[in-house]
């Protein structure tokens, strides 16, 4: 059966969503890439030539990265505006993408991909808080029909390991057990993505666990891909500025979590420090770069006033043009299901809590229903 017909049967809203002009407007780049009107950013990065250096000095690599980005953004703008197309160019011997690969490898030698900043040499086998060395492990990969309507069917690749330690994690079996999946090389990762695209995926959705600790392998995998398909980064957004900087030019749409406002709650339930500081910084960076974004916020029991309200306030003030998925499907899993220390989140959210969150979003003119 044709995948578009099947998608319509399973999720008719995945087709009808694109009749909403505001959704098309706010996800304009993603829409054009999904419809194969424009090439994904990673392909534009492949066609952007860069200078190659031998010694791998990070300061020098960053300097070249900043200079090459100017050329990338010029080409991206010309392609987006219809002034040029990739068919007019030849791939260089060394590209902006190649430069990003070299930088990512240098970063994991003294790992600073997430804000734990373990600074261990993962390239030589040391493991950080995420539990991973230089290898990536895939727990599963499939066409996902349960994501937000504009993303269905989504070609999801679930990585193991995570920088957060959420006591309620629904994917705790892979997020807290980094070796639970199948070890893959960058080339094998590309083969998974290509197969998902051939099966009808509208995007390649890097998720987990969390994908941030696998940035080096994801970027390298793109060397082995030439598929016109948008790349989606589905992250807890606890990455460093250096890691985020590598992704800004190759990710077509972002699907970040924004879980907590209260820092004490972030530490209690996700075992993380400076959560709000890091996530708001990163969300602003992505937004100000002009990227397409759908922010996810999971309503938690007993946390509407302390977390949901101020998070929605922040979104309305700082990233007003994003779409927001206010998620009401929380269920107690992992430690929240049985550990008496977390009794306050050991139940589902009530109708009243969900209603309060939705009404507050409406008061702020946040668009949330079209993507829920």
Protein backbone atom coordinates (compact mmCIF):
# COMPACT_ATOMS: atom_id res chain seq x y z
CA UNK A 1 0.00 0.00 0.00
CA UNK A 2 1.24 3.50 -0.81
CA UNK A 3 2.67 5.07 2.36
CA UNK A 4 0.77 8.35 1.93
CA UNK A 5 -2.54 6.50 1.72
CA UNK A 6 -1.62 4.44 4.77
CA UNK A 7 -0.61 7.56 6.68
CA UNK A 8 -3.94 9.19 5.87
CA UNK A 9 -5.81 6.16 7.18
CA UNK A 10 -3.78 5.96 10.40
CA UNK A 11 -3.34 9.70 11.04
CA UNK A 12 -5.62 11.82 8.85
CA UNK A 13 -4.43 14.89 10.75
CA UNK A 14 -0.95 14.34 9.27
CA UNK A 15 -2.45 15.42 5.93
CA UNK A 16 -4.99 17.98 7.13
CA UNK A 17 -2.43 19.81 9.28
CA UNK A 18 -0.87 21.32 6.16
CA UNK A 19 -4.10 23.14 5.34
CA UNK A 20 -3.36 25.34 8.35
CA UNK A 21 -1.50 28.31 6.83
CA UNK A 22 0.00 29.31 10.17
CA UNK A 23 1.58 25.88 10.61
CA UNK A 24 3.00 26.03 7.06
CA UNK A 25 4.32 29.51 7.77
CA UNK A 26 6.00 28.55 11.04
CA UNK A 27 7.47 25.35 9.63
CA UNK A 28 8.20 26.77 6.18
CA UNK A 29 11.72 25.39 5.70
CA UNK A 30 10.80 21.95 7.00
CA UNK A 31 7.74 21.92 4.72
CA UNK A 32 9.80 22.76 1.62
CA UNK A 33 12.38 20.08 2.37
CA UNK A 34 9.72 17.50 3.22
CA UNK A 35 8.03 18.23 -0.13
CA UNK A 36 11.44 18.03 -1.85
CA UNK A 37 11.13 21.59 -3.06
CA UNK A 38 14.43 22.45 -1.34
CA UNK A 39 17.40 20.28 -0.31
CA UNK A 40 18.04 19.56 3.39
CA UNK A 41 20.64 21.68 5.11
CA UNK A 42 23.12 18.84 5.48
CA UNK A 43 23.36 18.58 1.68
CA UNK A 44 23.99 22.31 1.40
CA UNK A 45 26.77 21.88 3.98
CA UNK A 46 28.23 19.13 1.77
CA UNK A 47 28.44 21.55 -1.14
CA UNK A 48 30.02 24.35 0.90
CA UNK A 49 33.84 24.20 0.52
CA UNK A 50 36.05 24.64 3.56
CA UNK A 51 39.72 24.85 4.42
CA UNK A 52 41.31 21.69 5.84
CA UNK A 53 44.08 21.79 8.44
CA UNK A 54 46.31 18.92 9.57
CA UNK A 55 46.94 19.31 13.28
CA UNK A 56 43.31 19.28 14.56
CA UNK A 57 43.76 22.30 16.84
CA UNK A 58 40.25 23.11 18.10
CA UNK A 59 40.76 26.87 18.24
CA UNK A 60 41.88 26.92 14.64
CA UNK A 61 39.07 24.58 13.60
CA UNK A 62 36.49 26.88 15.23
CA UNK A 63 37.98 29.89 13.47
CA UNK A 64 37.65 28.15 10.11
CA UNK A 65 34.14 27.00 11.08
CA UNK A 66 33.01 30.57 11.70
CA UNK A 67 34.43 31.74 8.38
CA UNK A 68 32.97 28.82 6.44
CA UNK A 69 29.55 29.40 8.02
CA UNK A 70 29.36 32.75 6.23
CA UNK A 71 29.67 30.96 2.90
CA UNK A 72 27.18 28.30 3.98
CA UNK A 73 24.60 30.89 5.01
CA UNK A 74 25.05 32.75 1.73
CA UNK A 75 24.46 29.55 -0.25
CA UNK A 76 21.55 28.52 1.98
CA UNK A 77 19.90 31.92 1.49
CA UNK A 78 20.35 31.78 -2.28
CA UNK A 79 18.86 28.28 -2.44
CA UNK A 80 15.99 29.16 -0.13
CA UNK A 81 15.17 32.25 -2.20
CA UNK A 82 15.31 30.28 -5.46
CA UNK A 83 18.34 32.13 -6.80
CA UNK A 84 20.51 29.01 -7.02
CA UNK A 85 20.22 25.21 -6.85
CA UNK A 86 22.63 22.47 -5.80
CA UNK A 87 22.73 21.18 -9.38
CA UNK A 88 24.86 24.21 -10.27
CA UNK A 89 27.67 23.08 -7.96
CA UNK A 90 30.14 20.24 -7.52
CA UNK A 91 30.99 18.72 -4.17
CA UNK A 92 34.31 20.05 -2.87
CA UNK A 93 37.15 17.81 -1.74
CA UNK A 94 36.65 19.07 1.80
CA UNK A 95 33.34 20.55 2.90
CA UNK A 96 31.66 22.36 5.77
CA UNK A 97 30.25 18.98 6.80
CA UNK A 98 33.74 17.43 6.83
CA UNK A 99 34.92 20.27 9.04
CA UNK A 100 32.08 19.64 11.48
CA UNK A 101 33.02 15.95 11.63
CA UNK A 102 36.62 16.83 12.50
CA UNK A 103 35.51 19.26 15.21
CA UNK A 104 33.09 16.73 16.75
CA UNK A 105 35.83 14.09 16.94
CA UNK A 106 38.15 16.54 18.67
CA UNK A 107 35.40 17.47 21.16
CA UNK A 108 34.83 13.86 22.30
CA UNK A 109 38.55 13.44 22.95
CA UNK A 110 37.91 15.79 25.89
CA UNK A 111 34.17 15.41 25.91
CA UNK A 112 32.09 18.54 26.16
CA UNK A 113 29.04 17.59 24.14
CA UNK A 114 26.64 18.07 27.07
CA UNK A 115 26.70 20.40 30.05
CA UNK A 116 28.00 17.73 32.40
CA UNK A 117 31.32 18.53 30.71
CA UNK A 118 32.92 15.26 31.81
CA UNK A 119 36.07 16.05 29.79
CA UNK A 120 36.91 12.37 29.46
CA UNK A 121 38.51 10.95 26.32
CA UNK A 122 35.57 9.04 24.88
CA UNK A 123 37.49 8.58 21.64
CA UNK A 124 39.90 6.26 23.46
CA UNK A 125 37.22 4.35 25.35
CA UNK A 126 36.47 6.39 28.47
CA UNK A 127 32.79 6.81 29.39
CA UNK A 128 31.05 9.92 30.59
CA UNK A 129 27.84 10.46 32.59
CA UNK A 130 25.89 9.36 29.51
CA UNK A 131 27.58 5.95 29.83
CA UNK A 132 28.96 5.96 26.28
CA UNK A 133 32.39 5.89 24.75
CA UNK A 134 32.87 6.85 21.08
CA UNK A 135 30.39 4.26 19.79
CA UNK A 136 26.66 4.74 19.28
CA UNK A 137 24.04 2.16 20.11
CA UNK A 138 20.61 2.06 18.46
CA UNK A 139 17.78 0.63 20.57
CA UNK A 140 15.26 0.67 17.72
CA UNK A 141 14.48 2.34 14.40
CA UNK A 142 11.05 2.45 12.78
CA UNK A 143 8.35 4.55 11.15
CA UNK A 144 6.67 6.36 14.04
CA UNK A 145 3.00 7.31 13.63
CA UNK A 146 2.62 8.74 17.13
CA UNK A 147 4.66 11.93 16.74
CA UNK A 148 3.23 15.40 16.13
CA UNK A 149 0.99 15.62 13.07
CA UNK A 150 3.44 17.56 10.83
CA UNK A 151 6.07 14.87 11.42
CA UNK A 152 4.10 11.68 10.66
CA UNK A 153 5.34 9.18 9.62
CA UNK A 154 8.64 9.97 11.31
CA UNK A 155 11.72 7.86 10.69
CA UNK A 156 12.80 7.52 14.31
CA UNK A 157 16.24 6.30 15.36
CA UNK A 158 16.33 5.67 19.12
CA UNK A 159 19.81 6.01 20.63
CA UNK A 160 20.71 4.61 24.03
CA UNK A 161 22.12 6.65 26.89
CA UNK A 162 21.11 10.08 28.18
CA UNK A 163 22.56 13.07 29.99
CA UNK A 164 19.43 13.31 32.18
CA UNK A 165 18.42 10.72 34.77
CA UNK A 166 14.67 11.25 34.89
CA UNK A 167 13.00 9.09 37.53
CA UNK A 168 9.85 8.88 35.36
CA UNK A 169 11.49 8.13 31.99
CA UNK A 170 9.24 6.09 29.69
CA UNK A 171 12.31 4.92 27.77
CA UNK A 172 14.39 4.16 30.84
CA UNK A 173 15.36 0.74 29.46
CA UNK A 174 17.53 2.44 26.83
CA UNK A 175 18.16 5.86 28.37
CA UNK A 176 19.68 4.40 31.54
CA UNK A 177 21.27 1.37 29.88
CA UNK A 178 23.63 2.62 27.16
CA UNK A 179 24.62 -0.85 25.97
CA UNK A 180 21.00 -1.97 25.48
CA UNK A 181 21.05 -1.36 21.74
CA UNK A 182 23.03 -2.53 18.74
CA UNK A 183 26.42 -0.90 18.19
CA UNK A 184 26.49 0.93 14.85
CA UNK A 185 29.13 2.64 12.78
CA UNK A 186 28.38 5.99 11.10
CA UNK A 187 27.97 4.18 7.79
CA UNK A 188 25.48 1.74 9.31
CA UNK A 189 23.63 4.67 10.85
CA UNK A 190 23.35 6.20 7.39
CA UNK A 191 22.01 2.92 6.01
CA UNK A 192 19.29 2.90 8.70
CA UNK A 193 18.29 6.46 7.78
CA UNK A 194 18.25 5.69 4.05
CA UNK A 195 16.06 2.63 4.59
CA UNK A 196 13.60 4.68 6.68
CA UNK A 197 13.46 7.29 3.92
CA UNK A 198 12.81 4.61 1.30
CA UNK A 199 9.96 3.24 3.43
CA UNK A 200 8.22 6.61 3.40
CA UNK A 201 9.54 8.57 6.36
CA UNK A 202 8.86 12.30 6.17
CA UNK A 203 11.97 13.03 8.26
CA UNK A 204 14.86 11.34 10.02
CA UNK A 205 14.20 11.74 13.73
CA UNK A 206 17.27 11.41 15.96
CA UNK A 207 15.92 10.63 19.43
CA UNK A 208 16.52 8.34 22.39
CA UNK A 209 17.43 8.13 25.20
CA UNK A 210 18.96 11.27 23.87
CA UNK A 211 20.94 11.89 20.68
CA UNK A 212 23.21 14.70 21.89
CA UNK A 213 25.98 12.37 23.04
CA UNK A 214 25.99 10.83 19.54
CA UNK A 215 26.50 14.06 17.60
CA UNK A 216 29.90 13.00 16.29
CA UNK A 217 28.54 9.78 14.76
CA UNK A 218 25.36 11.37 13.42
CA UNK A 219 27.31 14.08 11.62
CA UNK A 220 29.78 11.56 10.21
CA UNK A 221 26.91 9.35 9.03
CA UNK A 222 25.77 12.18 6.75
CA UNK A 223 28.87 11.61 4.63
CA UNK A 224 27.19 8.42 3.42
CA UNK A 225 23.79 9.98 2.68
CA UNK A 226 22.44 12.04 -0.21
CA UNK A 227 18.73 11.71 0.51
CA UNK A 228 16.44 14.73 0.17
CA UNK A 229 14.80 14.40 3.57
CA UNK A 230 14.65 16.79 6.54
CA UNK A 231 16.70 15.98 9.63
CA UNK A 232 14.95 16.33 12.99
CA UNK A 233 16.74 16.71 16.35
CA UNK A 234 14.61 15.36 19.22
CA UNK A 235 16.59 16.36 22.29
CA UNK A 236 16.50 17.24 25.97
CA UNK A 237 18.57 20.32 24.93
CA UNK A 238 21.15 19.93 27.70
CA UNK A 239 23.95 20.20 25.16
CA UNK A 240 26.84 22.67 25.21
CA UNK A 241 27.05 25.70 22.95
CA UNK A 242 29.87 23.97 21.08
CA UNK A 243 27.71 20.94 20.33
CA UNK A 244 24.71 23.04 19.37
CA UNK A 245 26.88 25.11 17.06
CA UNK A 246 27.71 22.00 15.04
CA UNK A 247 24.04 21.15 14.56
CA UNK A 248 22.58 24.54 13.67
CA UNK A 249 23.63 24.30 10.02
CA UNK A 250 22.47 20.72 9.38
CA UNK A 251 19.21 20.23 11.30
CA UNK A 252 16.04 21.25 9.45
CA UNK A 253 13.57 21.05 12.33
CA UNK A 254 13.98 20.85 16.10
CA UNK A 255 11.80 18.95 18.58
CA UNK A 256 13.19 19.98 21.99
CA UNK A 257 11.87 19.17 25.45
CA UNK A 258 11.29 21.87 28.02
CA UNK A 259 10.51 19.93 31.19
CA UNK A 260 11.16 22.06 34.26
CA UNK A 261 11.20 25.66 35.36
CA UNK A 262 12.07 25.17 39.01
CA UNK A 263 15.74 24.16 39.30
CA UNK A 264 15.11 22.16 42.48
CA UNK A 265 12.49 20.11 40.68
CA UNK A 266 14.87 19.56 37.76
CA UNK A 267 17.46 18.15 40.14
CA UNK A 268 14.99 16.09 42.16
CA UNK A 269 13.31 14.39 39.21
CA UNK A 270 15.96 14.53 36.46
CA UNK A 271 19.17 14.69 38.53
CA UNK A 272 20.39 17.70 36.59
CA UNK A 273 21.84 21.09 37.59
CA UNK A 274 21.40 24.44 35.81
CA UNK A 275 18.64 22.88 33.70
CA UNK A 276 16.59 26.00 33.03
CA UNK A 277 19.69 28.10 32.40
CA UNK A 278 21.04 25.69 29.79
CA UNK A 279 17.78 24.85 28.03
CA UNK A 280 16.58 28.45 27.71
CA UNK A 281 19.98 29.49 26.37
CA UNK A 282 19.90 26.75 23.75
CA UNK A 283 16.29 27.33 22.74
CA UNK A 284 17.04 31.00 22.17
CA UNK A 285 20.08 30.13 20.06
CA UNK A 286 18.07 27.82 17.83
CA UNK A 287 15.20 30.29 17.56
CA UNK A 288 17.43 33.26 16.78
CA UNK A 289 19.16 31.22 14.08
CA UNK A 290 15.82 31.10 12.29
CA UNK A 291 15.24 27.36 12.70
CA UNK A 292 11.86 25.63 12.60
CA UNK A 293 10.88 24.41 16.07
CA UNK A 294 8.14 22.48 17.85
CA UNK A 295 8.70 22.70 21.62
CA UNK A 296 7.40 19.84 23.72
CA UNK A 297 6.25 20.39 27.29
CA UNK A 298 5.00 17.45 29.33
CA UNK A 299 2.41 18.40 31.95
CA UNK A 300 3.46 16.81 35.24
CA UNK A 301 1.15 16.07 38.19
CA UNK A 302 1.35 18.78 40.84
CA UNK A 303 3.63 20.94 38.67
CA UNK A 304 1.30 23.14 36.62
CA UNK A 305 1.71 26.37 38.58
CA UNK A 306 5.41 25.97 39.42
CA UNK A 307 6.64 24.75 36.02
CA UNK A 308 4.05 24.75 33.22
CA UNK A 309 2.90 28.36 33.70
CA UNK A 310 6.38 29.98 33.80
CA UNK A 311 7.59 27.79 30.92
CA UNK A 312 4.69 28.95 28.75
CA UNK A 313 5.35 32.53 29.83
CA UNK A 314 8.99 32.18 28.76
CA UNK A 315 8.05 30.66 25.39
CA UNK A 316 5.51 33.40 24.66
CA UNK A 317 8.07 36.10 25.46
CA UNK A 318 11.28 34.64 24.01
CA UNK A 319 10.26 32.29 21.18
CA UNK A 320 6.81 33.54 20.16
CA UNK A 321 6.73 32.01 16.68
CA UNK A 322 7.34 28.39 17.65
CA UNK A 323 4.66 25.72 17.76
CA UNK A 324 4.17 24.04 21.13
CA UNK A 325 3.00 20.54 21.97
CA UNK A 326 1.57 20.64 25.48
CA UNK A 327 1.57 16.93 26.24
CA UNK A 328 -1.03 15.38 28.52
CA UNK A 329 0.03 11.74 28.28
CA UNK A 330 2.24 11.51 31.37
CA UNK A 331 2.09 8.18 33.15
CA UNK A 332 4.28 7.08 36.06
CA UNK A 333 7.09 4.84 34.83
CA UNK A 334 10.47 3.69 36.10
CA UNK A 335 11.11 4.91 39.67
CA UNK A 336 8.03 7.14 39.73
CA UNK A 337 5.94 4.01 39.52
CA UNK A 338 7.13 2.30 42.68
CA UNK A 339 9.56 4.50 44.63
CA UNK A 340 7.85 6.11 47.64
CA UNK A 341 10.21 9.07 47.41
CA UNK A 342 8.34 10.25 44.32
CA UNK A 343 4.74 9.70 45.39
CA UNK A 344 3.74 13.19 44.23
CA UNK A 345 4.31 12.20 40.58
CA UNK A 346 3.10 8.60 40.88
CA UNK A 347 -0.23 9.33 39.19
CA UNK A 348 -1.48 10.55 35.82
CA UNK A 349 -2.36 14.20 35.35
CA UNK A 350 -5.95 15.19 36.02
CA UNK A 351 -8.40 16.76 33.57
CA UNK A 352 -8.26 19.90 35.68
CA UNK A 353 -4.47 20.13 35.37
CA UNK A 354 -4.62 19.66 31.61
CA UNK A 355 -7.41 22.20 31.25
CA UNK A 356 -5.48 24.77 33.27
CA UNK A 357 -2.40 24.32 31.07
CA UNK A 358 -4.40 24.67 27.85
CA UNK A 359 -6.29 27.73 29.04
CA UNK A 360 -3.06 29.40 30.10
CA UNK A 361 -1.56 28.75 26.65
CA UNK A 362 -4.65 30.25 25.02
CA UNK A 363 -4.33 33.35 27.19
CA UNK A 364 -0.77 33.75 25.92
CA UNK A 365 -1.83 33.16 22.26
CA UNK A 366 0.42 30.12 22.05
CA UNK A 367 -0.46 27.80 19.17
CA UNK A 368 -0.51 24.30 20.63
CA UNK A 369 -3.51 22.35 19.39
CA UNK A 370 -2.51 21.93 15.70
CA UNK A 371 0.50 19.83 16.72
CA UNK A 372 -0.87 17.93 19.73
